[in-house]
Amino acid sequence: MVRYAFPDAQVTFEPHSKRQAIVDSWPADVDDSTARRDWGWEPDYDLNRAFEEYLIPTISKGYQALA
């Protein structure tokens, strides 16, 4: 998704051991089926919407400020 939105992006990743330990302690999945069933809850954003409506515009603004 990053490369689609920003074709020239160079993506690298080096985990920070203490922060990675925190992330590793999180559950792999969150089961929201009870909230959906009992309250009719639905998330406002899925991965695509969050990326398209929040992350891309926010990142783009940051780079425009540098130009």
N, C-alpha and C. Protein backbone atom coordinates (compact mmCIF):
# COMPACT_ATOMS: atom_id res chain seq x y z
N MET A 1 0.82 -1.20 0.00
CA MET A 1 0.00 0.00 0.00
C MET A 1 0.86 1.25 0.00
N VAL A 2 1.95 1.22 0.73
CA VAL A 2 2.86 2.36 0.76
C VAL A 2 3.45 2.59 -0.62
N ARG A 3 3.91 1.55 -1.25
CA ARG A 3 4.53 1.70 -2.57
C ARG A 3 3.52 2.14 -3.63
N TYR A 4 2.27 1.74 -3.48
CA TYR A 4 1.24 2.18 -4.41
C TYR A 4 1.02 3.69 -4.28
N ALA A 5 0.94 4.17 -3.06
CA ALA A 5 0.70 5.59 -2.82
C ALA A 5 1.94 6.44 -3.04
N PHE A 6 3.09 5.87 -2.72
CA PHE A 6 4.36 6.60 -2.82
C PHE A 6 5.36 5.71 -3.56
N PRO A 7 5.29 5.66 -4.88
CA PRO A 7 6.11 4.72 -5.67
C PRO A 7 7.62 4.81 -5.42
N ASP A 8 8.10 5.98 -5.07
CA ASP A 8 9.54 6.14 -4.87
C ASP A 8 9.97 5.92 -3.42
N ALA A 9 9.04 5.50 -2.58
CA ALA A 9 9.36 5.31 -1.16
C ALA A 9 10.39 4.21 -0.97
N GLN A 10 11.26 4.43 -0.04
CA GLN A 10 12.22 3.40 0.38
C GLN A 10 11.84 3.05 1.81
N VAL A 11 11.36 1.84 1.98
CA VAL A 11 10.86 1.40 3.28
C VAL A 11 11.90 0.50 3.94
N THR A 12 12.28 0.86 5.15
CA THR A 12 13.19 0.03 5.93
C THR A 12 12.58 -0.18 7.31
N PHE A 13 13.09 -1.17 8.00
CA PHE A 13 12.56 -1.46 9.33
C PHE A 13 13.63 -2.11 10.17
N GLU A 14 13.84 -1.54 11.34
CA GLU A 14 14.73 -2.13 12.33
C GLU A 14 13.98 -2.10 13.66
N PRO A 15 13.58 -3.27 14.16
CA PRO A 15 12.81 -3.28 15.40
C PRO A 15 13.63 -2.79 16.60
N HIS A 16 12.96 -2.10 17.48
CA HIS A 16 13.52 -1.66 18.76
C HIS A 16 13.16 -2.76 19.74
N SER A 17 14.11 -3.42 20.36
CA SER A 17 13.85 -4.64 21.13
C SER A 17 12.83 -4.44 22.25
N LYS A 18 12.89 -3.34 22.97
CA LYS A 18 11.93 -3.13 24.06
C LYS A 18 10.53 -2.86 23.53
N ARG A 19 10.43 -2.06 22.48
CA ARG A 19 9.12 -1.80 21.90
C ARG A 19 8.56 -3.04 21.22
N GLN A 20 9.44 -3.82 20.59
CA GLN A 20 9.00 -5.05 19.95
C GLN A 20 8.45 -6.03 20.98
N ALA A 21 9.03 -6.07 22.16
CA ALA A 21 8.53 -6.94 23.22
C ALA A 21 7.11 -6.55 23.62
N ILE A 22 6.82 -5.26 23.63
CA ILE A 22 5.46 -4.80 23.92
C ILE A 22 4.51 -5.27 22.83
N VAL A 23 4.89 -5.06 21.60
CA VAL A 23 4.05 -5.48 20.47
C VAL A 23 3.84 -6.99 20.49
N ASP A 24 4.87 -7.73 20.79
CA ASP A 24 4.76 -9.19 20.84
C ASP A 24 3.80 -9.67 21.93
N SER A 25 3.56 -8.84 22.94
CA SER A 25 2.64 -9.23 24.01
C SER A 25 1.18 -9.00 23.65
N TRP A 26 0.93 -8.28 22.55
CA TRP A 26 -0.45 -8.02 22.13
C TRP A 26 -1.04 -9.26 21.50
N PRO A 27 -2.36 -9.42 21.59
CA PRO A 27 -2.98 -10.57 20.91
C PRO A 27 -2.86 -10.42 19.40
N ALA A 28 -2.81 -11.53 18.71
CA ALA A 28 -2.67 -11.50 17.24
C ALA A 28 -3.94 -10.96 16.58
N ASP A 29 -5.07 -11.10 17.26
CA ASP A 29 -6.32 -10.66 16.69
C ASP A 29 -7.23 -10.19 17.83
N VAL A 30 -8.08 -9.26 17.53
CA VAL A 30 -9.05 -8.80 18.51
C VAL A 30 -10.42 -9.29 18.05
N ASP A 31 -11.10 -10.00 18.92
CA ASP A 31 -12.41 -10.53 18.59
C ASP A 31 -13.47 -9.54 19.04
N ASP A 32 -14.05 -8.83 18.09
CA ASP A 32 -15.08 -7.85 18.41
C ASP A 32 -16.49 -8.38 18.11
N SER A 33 -16.61 -9.69 17.93
CA SER A 33 -17.90 -10.27 17.54
C SER A 33 -19.00 -10.02 18.58
N THR A 34 -18.65 -10.02 19.86
CA THR A 34 -19.66 -9.77 20.89
C THR A 34 -20.18 -8.34 20.80
N ALA A 35 -19.30 -7.38 20.62
CA ALA A 35 -19.73 -5.98 20.48
C ALA A 35 -20.56 -5.80 19.21
N ARG A 36 -20.18 -6.46 18.16
CA ARG A 36 -20.96 -6.38 16.92
C ARG A 36 -22.35 -6.96 17.13
N ARG A 37 -22.41 -8.12 17.77
CA ARG A 37 -23.68 -8.80 17.99
C ARG A 37 -24.55 -8.05 19.00
N ASP A 38 -23.99 -7.70 20.15
CA ASP A 38 -24.78 -7.11 21.23
C ASP A 38 -25.15 -5.65 20.99
N TRP A 39 -24.25 -4.89 20.44
CA TRP A 39 -24.46 -3.45 20.30
C TRP A 39 -24.63 -2.99 18.86
N GLY A 40 -24.44 -3.91 17.92
CA GLY A 40 -24.48 -3.50 16.51
C GLY A 40 -23.29 -2.65 16.12
N TRP A 41 -22.20 -2.79 16.89
CA TRP A 41 -21.01 -1.98 16.66
C TRP A 41 -20.33 -2.38 15.36
N GLU A 42 -19.88 -1.39 14.63
CA GLU A 42 -19.07 -1.59 13.43
C GLU A 42 -17.93 -0.58 13.48
N PRO A 43 -16.74 -1.00 13.10
CA PRO A 43 -15.62 -0.04 13.09
C PRO A 43 -15.84 1.03 12.02
N ASP A 44 -15.37 2.23 12.30
CA ASP A 44 -15.48 3.31 11.32
C ASP A 44 -14.47 3.15 10.20
N TYR A 45 -13.34 2.54 10.50
CA TYR A 45 -12.26 2.42 9.52
C TYR A 45 -11.80 0.98 9.40
N ASP A 46 -11.55 0.57 8.16
CA ASP A 46 -10.83 -0.67 7.93
C ASP A 46 -9.44 -0.26 7.45
N LEU A 47 -8.61 -1.22 7.13
CA LEU A 47 -7.24 -0.89 6.75
C LEU A 47 -7.20 0.04 5.54
N ASN A 48 -7.96 -0.26 4.51
CA ASN A 48 -7.93 0.57 3.30
C ASN A 48 -8.41 1.98 3.56
N ARG A 49 -9.52 2.13 4.28
CA ARG A 49 -10.04 3.47 4.54
C ARG A 49 -9.09 4.26 5.42
N ALA A 50 -8.51 3.63 6.43
CA ALA A 50 -7.57 4.32 7.30
C ALA A 50 -6.37 4.81 6.50
N PHE A 51 -5.88 3.95 5.61
CA PHE A 51 -4.72 4.32 4.81
C PHE A 51 -5.06 5.46 3.85
N GLU A 52 -6.18 5.33 3.15
CA GLU A 52 -6.55 6.30 2.12
C GLU A 52 -7.01 7.64 2.69
N GLU A 53 -7.74 7.62 3.80
CA GLU A 53 -8.32 8.86 4.31
C GLU A 53 -7.52 9.50 5.44
N TYR A 54 -6.62 8.74 6.06
CA TYR A 54 -5.86 9.30 7.17
C TYR A 54 -4.36 9.29 6.91
N LEU A 55 -3.80 8.13 6.67
CA LEU A 55 -2.35 8.03 6.57
C LEU A 55 -1.78 8.73 5.34
N ILE A 56 -2.34 8.46 4.16
CA ILE A 56 -1.80 9.10 2.95
C ILE A 56 -1.88 10.63 3.06
N PRO A 57 -3.04 11.20 3.39
CA PRO A 57 -3.08 12.67 3.50
C PRO A 57 -2.13 13.23 4.56
N THR A 58 -2.01 12.55 5.70
CA THR A 58 -1.14 13.03 6.76
C THR A 58 0.32 12.97 6.33
N ILE A 59 0.72 11.89 5.73
CA ILE A 59 2.10 11.75 5.26
C ILE A 59 2.38 12.76 4.16
N SER A 60 1.44 12.90 3.24
CA SER A 60 1.61 13.86 2.14
C SER A 60 1.79 15.28 2.65
N LYS A 61 1.00 15.67 3.64
CA LYS A 61 1.14 17.02 4.22
C LYS A 61 2.51 17.21 4.83
N GLY A 62 3.01 16.19 5.50
CA GLY A 62 4.33 16.26 6.11
C GLY A 62 5.42 16.50 5.08
N TYR A 63 5.31 15.82 3.96
CA TYR A 63 6.32 15.98 2.91
C TYR A 63 6.16 17.31 2.19
N GLN A 64 4.93 17.80 2.06
CA GLN A 64 4.72 19.12 1.44
C GLN A 64 5.35 20.21 2.29
N ALA A 65 5.32 20.03 3.59
CA ALA A 65 5.92 21.02 4.49
C ALA A 65 7.42 21.06 4.33
N LEU A 66 8.03 19.94 3.92
CA LEU A 66 9.48 19.89 3.73
C LEU A 66 9.92 20.49 2.40
N ALA A 67 8.99 20.58 1.46
CA ALA A 67 9.34 21.05 0.11
C ALA A 67 9.50 22.56 0.05
